[in-house]
Amino acid sequence: MSRPRSAAEIFLVMLVNGALSLVVFAGTLLRETPEFWRNAGGYPVLLRNLVYLAYYPLLLLIMSGTLMGSLLALRFLGRHKGIGSGLLVLSLLQWVLLLIILVIMLWNNVDNLINGRPLHYHAPE
């Protein structure tokens, strides 16, 4: 059986996962901006390539990090109620941010399907 994790270790996992979640959130906003994919937007090509290549691996990483952080917080809550509940609140905030990312990511595609347009369609300017 593995040794129990300390609150500092769990907080560090959640801190790294939270920072990556904010990076993915910014990437999600960029991905849903039509000007980002065109040269007219003024965004660097390197940033466009970075978002294109790293978005889904980072999304999967934060999904697994959020799940792992939640499980660690729940396990810690069983031993220490005070600090464990604080870690659980932090975990809940990460789930909310992940849900926001997923809603932003899927919103345009669901709207396109409802209106009979192809996926990833953005109205011309």
N, C-alpha and C. Protein backbone atom coordinates (compact mmCIF):
# COMPACT_ATOMS: atom_id res chain seq x y z
N MET A 1 0.84 -1.18 0.00
CA MET A 1 0.00 0.00 0.00
C MET A 1 0.89 1.24 0.00
N SER A 2 0.52 2.23 -0.77
CA SER A 2 1.33 3.44 -0.86
C SER A 2 1.13 4.32 0.37
N ARG A 3 2.14 5.13 0.63
CA ARG A 3 2.04 6.02 1.79
C ARG A 3 1.05 7.13 1.51
N PRO A 4 0.38 7.65 2.53
CA PRO A 4 -0.58 8.74 2.32
C PRO A 4 0.12 10.01 1.85
N ARG A 5 -0.51 10.74 0.99
CA ARG A 5 0.04 12.00 0.49
C ARG A 5 -0.23 13.12 1.49
N SER A 6 0.70 14.07 1.54
CA SER A 6 0.51 15.21 2.43
C SER A 6 -0.33 16.27 1.73
N ALA A 7 -0.81 17.20 2.52
CA ALA A 7 -1.63 18.29 1.95
C ALA A 7 -0.80 19.13 0.99
N ALA A 8 0.48 19.31 1.27
CA ALA A 8 1.34 20.10 0.38
C ALA A 8 1.51 19.41 -0.97
N GLU A 9 1.65 18.10 -0.98
CA GLU A 9 1.79 17.37 -2.24
C GLU A 9 0.50 17.46 -3.06
N ILE A 10 -0.63 17.31 -2.40
CA ILE A 10 -1.91 17.39 -3.11
C ILE A 10 -2.12 18.80 -3.64
N PHE A 11 -1.78 19.80 -2.83
CA PHE A 11 -1.91 21.19 -3.26
C PHE A 11 -1.01 21.47 -4.46
N LEU A 12 0.20 20.91 -4.47
CA LEU A 12 1.12 21.11 -5.59
C LEU A 12 0.56 20.49 -6.87
N VAL A 13 -0.03 19.29 -6.76
CA VAL A 13 -0.67 18.67 -7.93
C VAL A 13 -1.79 19.56 -8.44
N MET A 14 -2.60 20.09 -7.53
CA MET A 14 -3.71 20.94 -7.94
C MET A 14 -3.23 22.28 -8.49
N LEU A 15 -2.14 22.80 -7.95
CA LEU A 15 -1.60 24.07 -8.43
C LEU A 15 -1.10 23.93 -9.87
N VAL A 16 -0.34 22.87 -10.16
CA VAL A 16 0.14 22.64 -11.52
C VAL A 16 -1.03 22.40 -12.46
N ASN A 17 -1.99 21.59 -12.00
CA ASN A 17 -3.16 21.33 -12.84
C ASN A 17 -3.97 22.60 -13.08
N GLY A 18 -4.09 23.46 -12.08
CA GLY A 18 -4.80 24.73 -12.26
C GLY A 18 -4.11 25.64 -13.25
N ALA A 19 -2.77 25.70 -13.20
CA ALA A 19 -2.03 26.52 -14.15
C ALA A 19 -2.20 26.00 -15.57
N LEU A 20 -2.12 24.68 -15.73
CA LEU A 20 -2.33 24.09 -17.05
C LEU A 20 -3.76 24.30 -17.53
N SER A 21 -4.71 24.29 -16.60
CA SER A 21 -6.11 24.53 -16.96
C SER A 21 -6.29 25.95 -17.50
N LEU A 22 -5.61 26.91 -16.92
CA LEU A 22 -5.70 28.29 -17.42
C LEU A 22 -5.07 28.41 -18.81
N VAL A 23 -3.99 27.67 -19.06
CA VAL A 23 -3.37 27.66 -20.39
C VAL A 23 -4.34 27.05 -21.40
N VAL A 24 -4.98 25.95 -21.03
CA VAL A 24 -5.94 25.32 -21.94
C VAL A 24 -7.16 26.22 -22.13
N PHE A 25 -7.59 26.93 -21.09
CA PHE A 25 -8.70 27.88 -21.22
C PHE A 25 -8.36 28.95 -22.25
N ALA A 26 -7.14 29.50 -22.17
CA ALA A 26 -6.72 30.50 -23.16
C ALA A 26 -6.66 29.89 -24.55
N GLY A 27 -6.17 28.66 -24.65
CA GLY A 27 -6.13 27.97 -25.93
C GLY A 27 -7.52 27.72 -26.48
N THR A 28 -8.47 27.43 -25.61
CA THR A 28 -9.85 27.21 -26.04
C THR A 28 -10.45 28.49 -26.61
N LEU A 29 -10.20 29.60 -25.94
CA LEU A 29 -10.69 30.88 -26.46
C LEU A 29 -10.07 31.21 -27.81
N LEU A 30 -8.78 30.93 -27.95
CA LEU A 30 -8.12 31.18 -29.24
C LEU A 30 -8.66 30.26 -30.33
N ARG A 31 -8.86 28.99 -29.99
CA ARG A 31 -9.33 28.02 -30.98
C ARG A 31 -10.72 28.38 -31.51
N GLU A 32 -11.54 29.00 -30.70
CA GLU A 32 -12.89 29.35 -31.12
C GLU A 32 -12.97 30.74 -31.73
N THR A 33 -11.84 31.38 -31.94
CA THR A 33 -11.79 32.68 -32.59
C THR A 33 -11.38 32.47 -34.05
N PRO A 34 -12.26 32.74 -35.01
CA PRO A 34 -11.90 32.48 -36.42
C PRO A 34 -10.66 33.24 -36.88
N GLU A 35 -10.45 34.45 -36.37
CA GLU A 35 -9.29 35.24 -36.78
C GLU A 35 -7.98 34.59 -36.35
N PHE A 36 -8.03 33.76 -35.32
CA PHE A 36 -6.82 33.10 -34.85
C PHE A 36 -6.25 32.16 -35.92
N TRP A 37 -7.10 31.55 -36.71
CA TRP A 37 -6.65 30.59 -37.71
C TRP A 37 -6.33 31.23 -39.04
N ARG A 38 -6.61 32.52 -39.17
CA ARG A 38 -6.32 33.23 -40.41
C ARG A 38 -5.16 34.18 -40.18
N ASN A 39 -4.49 34.56 -41.23
CA ASN A 39 -3.40 35.52 -41.10
C ASN A 39 -3.91 36.90 -40.76
N ALA A 40 -5.21 37.15 -40.94
CA ALA A 40 -5.80 38.46 -40.67
C ALA A 40 -5.85 38.78 -39.18
N GLY A 41 -5.75 37.77 -38.33
CA GLY A 41 -5.88 37.99 -36.90
C GLY A 41 -4.66 38.60 -36.25
N GLY A 42 -3.51 38.52 -36.88
CA GLY A 42 -2.29 39.09 -36.32
C GLY A 42 -1.62 38.22 -35.28
N TYR A 43 -2.06 36.98 -35.13
CA TYR A 43 -1.45 36.07 -34.17
C TYR A 43 -0.22 35.42 -34.80
N PRO A 44 0.83 35.17 -34.01
CA PRO A 44 2.01 34.53 -34.57
C PRO A 44 1.71 33.09 -35.02
N VAL A 45 2.36 32.70 -36.10
CA VAL A 45 2.17 31.35 -36.63
C VAL A 45 2.66 30.31 -35.62
N LEU A 46 3.71 30.63 -34.88
CA LEU A 46 4.23 29.70 -33.87
C LEU A 46 3.17 29.43 -32.79
N LEU A 47 2.45 30.45 -32.36
CA LEU A 47 1.38 30.27 -31.39
C LEU A 47 0.27 29.41 -31.97
N ARG A 48 -0.08 29.65 -33.22
CA ARG A 48 -1.11 28.85 -33.88
C ARG A 48 -0.70 27.38 -33.94
N ASN A 49 0.54 27.11 -34.30
CA ASN A 49 1.03 25.74 -34.35
C ASN A 49 1.08 25.11 -32.96
N LEU A 50 1.47 25.88 -31.98
CA LEU A 50 1.54 25.37 -30.61
C LEU A 50 0.15 24.98 -30.10
N VAL A 51 -0.83 25.83 -30.35
CA VAL A 51 -2.20 25.52 -29.94
C VAL A 51 -2.71 24.31 -30.71
N TYR A 52 -2.40 24.24 -32.00
CA TYR A 52 -2.86 23.13 -32.83
C TYR A 52 -2.28 21.80 -32.34
N LEU A 53 -1.01 21.77 -31.97
CA LEU A 53 -0.37 20.52 -31.59
C LEU A 53 -0.57 20.15 -30.12
N ALA A 54 -0.62 21.13 -29.24
CA ALA A 54 -0.60 20.83 -27.80
C ALA A 54 -1.97 20.85 -27.14
N TYR A 55 -3.01 21.30 -27.84
CA TYR A 55 -4.30 21.49 -27.19
C TYR A 55 -4.88 20.20 -26.62
N TYR A 56 -5.06 19.20 -27.45
CA TYR A 56 -5.71 17.97 -26.98
C TYR A 56 -4.87 17.18 -25.99
N PRO A 57 -3.55 17.08 -26.17
CA PRO A 57 -2.77 16.42 -25.10
C PRO A 57 -2.87 17.14 -23.76
N LEU A 58 -2.85 18.48 -23.77
CA LEU A 58 -3.00 19.22 -22.52
C LEU A 58 -4.41 19.08 -21.95
N LEU A 59 -5.41 19.01 -22.81
CA LEU A 59 -6.78 18.81 -22.34
C LEU A 59 -6.91 17.46 -21.63
N LEU A 60 -6.35 16.43 -22.22
CA LEU A 60 -6.38 15.11 -21.57
C LEU A 60 -5.58 15.11 -20.28
N LEU A 61 -4.48 15.85 -20.26
CA LEU A 61 -3.66 15.94 -19.05
C LEU A 61 -4.42 16.63 -17.91
N ILE A 62 -5.12 17.71 -18.22
CA ILE A 62 -5.85 18.38 -17.14
C ILE A 62 -7.08 17.60 -16.71
N MET A 63 -7.68 16.85 -17.64
CA MET A 63 -8.79 15.99 -17.23
C MET A 63 -8.32 14.94 -16.23
N SER A 64 -7.21 14.31 -16.54
CA SER A 64 -6.69 13.29 -15.63
C SER A 64 -6.15 13.92 -14.36
N GLY A 65 -5.55 15.11 -14.46
CA GLY A 65 -5.06 15.79 -13.27
C GLY A 65 -6.18 16.24 -12.35
N THR A 66 -7.29 16.67 -12.92
CA THR A 66 -8.44 17.06 -12.12
C THR A 66 -9.03 15.85 -11.40
N LEU A 67 -9.14 14.74 -12.11
CA LEU A 67 -9.64 13.52 -11.49
C LEU A 67 -8.69 13.04 -10.39
N MET A 68 -7.40 13.05 -10.67
CA MET A 68 -6.42 12.60 -9.68
C MET A 68 -6.43 13.52 -8.45
N GLY A 69 -6.47 14.82 -8.66
CA GLY A 69 -6.52 15.76 -7.55
C GLY A 69 -7.76 15.57 -6.70
N SER A 70 -8.89 15.30 -7.35
CA SER A 70 -10.13 15.07 -6.60
C SER A 70 -10.05 13.81 -5.76
N LEU A 71 -9.52 12.75 -6.35
CA LEU A 71 -9.39 11.50 -5.60
C LEU A 71 -8.42 11.65 -4.43
N LEU A 72 -7.33 12.34 -4.65
CA LEU A 72 -6.38 12.58 -3.55
C LEU A 72 -7.01 13.43 -2.46
N ALA A 73 -7.78 14.44 -2.85
CA ALA A 73 -8.44 15.29 -1.85
C ALA A 73 -9.49 14.51 -1.07
N LEU A 74 -10.23 13.66 -1.73
CA LEU A 74 -11.23 12.84 -1.03
C LEU A 74 -10.56 11.87 -0.06
N ARG A 75 -9.45 11.30 -0.50
CA ARG A 75 -8.72 10.38 0.38
C ARG A 75 -8.16 11.13 1.59
N PHE A 76 -7.66 12.34 1.35
CA PHE A 76 -7.10 13.14 2.43
C PHE A 76 -8.20 13.61 3.38
N LEU A 77 -9.39 13.87 2.84
CA LEU A 77 -10.52 14.32 3.65
C LEU A 77 -10.91 13.30 4.70
N GLY A 78 -10.72 12.03 4.38
CA GLY A 78 -11.05 10.98 5.34
C GLY A 78 -10.19 11.04 6.59
N ARG A 79 -8.97 11.56 6.49
CA ARG A 79 -8.07 11.63 7.64
C ARG A 79 -8.06 13.00 8.32
N HIS A 80 -8.18 14.06 7.54
CA HIS A 80 -8.09 15.43 8.07
C HIS A 80 -9.24 16.25 7.52
N LYS A 81 -10.24 16.50 8.33
CA LYS A 81 -11.46 17.17 7.87
C LYS A 81 -11.22 18.62 7.45
N GLY A 82 -10.49 19.39 8.23
CA GLY A 82 -10.33 20.82 7.97
C GLY A 82 -9.60 21.11 6.68
N ILE A 83 -8.37 20.65 6.57
CA ILE A 83 -7.57 20.90 5.37
C ILE A 83 -8.15 20.13 4.19
N GLY A 84 -8.66 18.94 4.45
CA GLY A 84 -9.25 18.14 3.38
C GLY A 84 -10.43 18.82 2.72
N SER A 85 -11.24 19.52 3.51
CA SER A 85 -12.38 20.22 2.91
C SER A 85 -11.91 21.39 2.06
N GLY A 86 -10.84 22.04 2.46
CA GLY A 86 -10.27 23.12 1.63
C GLY A 86 -9.73 22.58 0.32
N LEU A 87 -9.07 21.43 0.36
CA LEU A 87 -8.58 20.80 -0.87
C LEU A 87 -9.74 20.36 -1.76
N LEU A 88 -10.82 19.93 -1.13
CA LEU A 88 -11.99 19.52 -1.90
C LEU A 88 -12.65 20.72 -2.60
N VAL A 89 -12.67 21.87 -1.94
CA VAL A 89 -13.20 23.09 -2.57
C VAL A 89 -12.32 23.49 -3.76
N LEU A 90 -11.01 23.39 -3.60
CA LEU A 90 -10.09 23.68 -4.69
C LEU A 90 -10.32 22.71 -5.85
N SER A 91 -10.57 21.47 -5.52
CA SER A 91 -10.87 20.47 -6.55
C SER A 91 -12.17 20.81 -7.27
N LEU A 92 -13.16 21.26 -6.54
CA LEU A 92 -14.43 21.65 -7.15
C LEU A 92 -14.25 22.82 -8.11
N LEU A 93 -13.41 23.77 -7.75
CA LEU A 93 -13.13 24.90 -8.64
C LEU A 93 -12.47 24.43 -9.93
N GLN A 94 -11.61 23.42 -9.83
CA GLN A 94 -10.97 22.89 -11.03
C GLN A 94 -11.98 22.17 -11.93
N TRP A 95 -12.94 21.48 -11.31
CA TRP A 95 -13.99 20.84 -12.10
C TRP A 95 -14.84 21.89 -12.81
N VAL A 96 -15.13 23.01 -12.15
CA VAL A 96 -15.91 24.09 -12.78
C VAL A 96 -15.15 24.67 -13.97
N LEU A 97 -13.85 24.90 -13.81
CA LEU A 97 -13.05 25.43 -14.91
C LEU A 97 -13.00 24.43 -16.06
N LEU A 98 -12.87 23.15 -15.77
CA LEU A 98 -12.88 22.13 -16.82
C LEU A 98 -14.22 22.11 -17.55
N LEU A 99 -15.30 22.24 -16.82
CA LEU A 99 -16.62 22.27 -17.44
C LEU A 99 -16.78 23.50 -18.33
N ILE A 100 -16.27 24.63 -17.89
CA ILE A 100 -16.33 25.85 -18.71
C ILE A 100 -15.54 25.65 -20.00
N ILE A 101 -14.37 25.03 -19.91
CA ILE A 101 -13.55 24.76 -21.09
C ILE A 101 -14.31 23.87 -22.06
N LEU A 102 -14.94 22.82 -21.55
CA LEU A 102 -15.67 21.90 -22.42
C LEU A 102 -16.89 22.55 -23.06
N VAL A 103 -17.59 23.39 -22.32
CA VAL A 103 -18.76 24.08 -22.88
C VAL A 103 -18.33 25.04 -23.99
N ILE A 104 -17.27 25.80 -23.76
CA ILE A 104 -16.78 26.72 -24.81
C ILE A 104 -16.34 25.93 -26.04
N MET A 105 -15.67 24.82 -25.80
CA MET A 105 -15.15 24.01 -26.89
C MET A 105 -16.28 23.41 -27.73
N LEU A 106 -17.35 22.99 -27.10
CA LEU A 106 -18.42 22.29 -27.81
C LEU A 106 -19.54 23.21 -28.29
N TRP A 107 -19.62 24.41 -27.77
CA TRP A 107 -20.75 25.30 -28.05
C TRP A 107 -20.94 25.56 -29.54
N ASN A 108 -19.90 25.93 -30.24
CA ASN A 108 -20.01 26.26 -31.66
C ASN A 108 -20.41 25.03 -32.46
N ASN A 109 -19.87 23.87 -32.11
CA ASN A 109 -20.19 22.66 -32.87
C ASN A 109 -21.64 22.24 -32.67
N VAL A 110 -22.14 22.34 -31.47
CA VAL A 110 -23.54 22.00 -31.22
C VAL A 110 -24.45 22.97 -31.96
N ASP A 111 -24.12 24.25 -31.94
CA ASP A 111 -24.89 25.26 -32.66
C ASP A 111 -24.88 24.97 -34.16
N ASN A 112 -23.74 24.56 -34.70
CA ASN A 112 -23.66 24.24 -36.13
C ASN A 112 -24.51 23.02 -36.46
N LEU A 113 -24.48 22.00 -35.62
CA LEU A 113 -25.29 20.80 -35.87
C LEU A 113 -26.78 21.11 -35.83
N ILE A 114 -27.19 21.95 -34.88
CA ILE A 114 -28.61 22.32 -34.76
C ILE A 114 -29.08 23.08 -35.99
N ASN A 115 -28.22 23.94 -36.52
CA ASN A 115 -28.60 24.78 -37.67
C ASN A 115 -28.23 24.17 -39.01
N GLY A 116 -27.78 22.91 -39.03
CA GLY A 116 -27.50 22.22 -40.29
C GLY A 116 -26.23 22.66 -40.99
N ARG A 117 -25.31 23.25 -40.27
CA ARG A 117 -24.03 23.65 -40.87
C ARG A 117 -22.97 22.61 -40.55
N PRO A 118 -21.86 22.61 -41.28
CA PRO A 118 -20.80 21.64 -40.98
C PRO A 118 -20.11 21.97 -39.64
N LEU A 119 -19.49 20.95 -39.04
CA LEU A 119 -18.76 21.17 -37.79
C LEU A 119 -17.64 22.18 -38.00
N HIS A 120 -17.29 22.89 -36.97
CA HIS A 120 -16.21 23.88 -36.95
C HIS A 120 -16.47 25.05 -37.90
N TYR A 121 -17.71 25.25 -38.30
CA TYR A 121 -18.05 26.35 -39.21
C TYR A 121 -18.12 27.64 -38.41
N HIS A 122 -17.54 28.69 -38.96
CA HIS A 122 -17.67 30.03 -38.40
C HIS A 122 -18.17 30.95 -39.51
N ALA A 123 -19.14 31.76 -39.20
CA ALA A 123 -19.73 32.65 -40.22
C ALA A 123 -18.66 33.57 -40.78
N PRO A 124 -18.69 33.83 -42.09
CA PRO A 124 -17.70 34.74 -42.68
C PRO A 124 -17.89 36.15 -42.14
N GLU A 125 -16.82 36.88 -42.16
CA GLU A 125 -16.84 38.24 -41.63
C GLU A 125 -17.52 39.20 -42.57
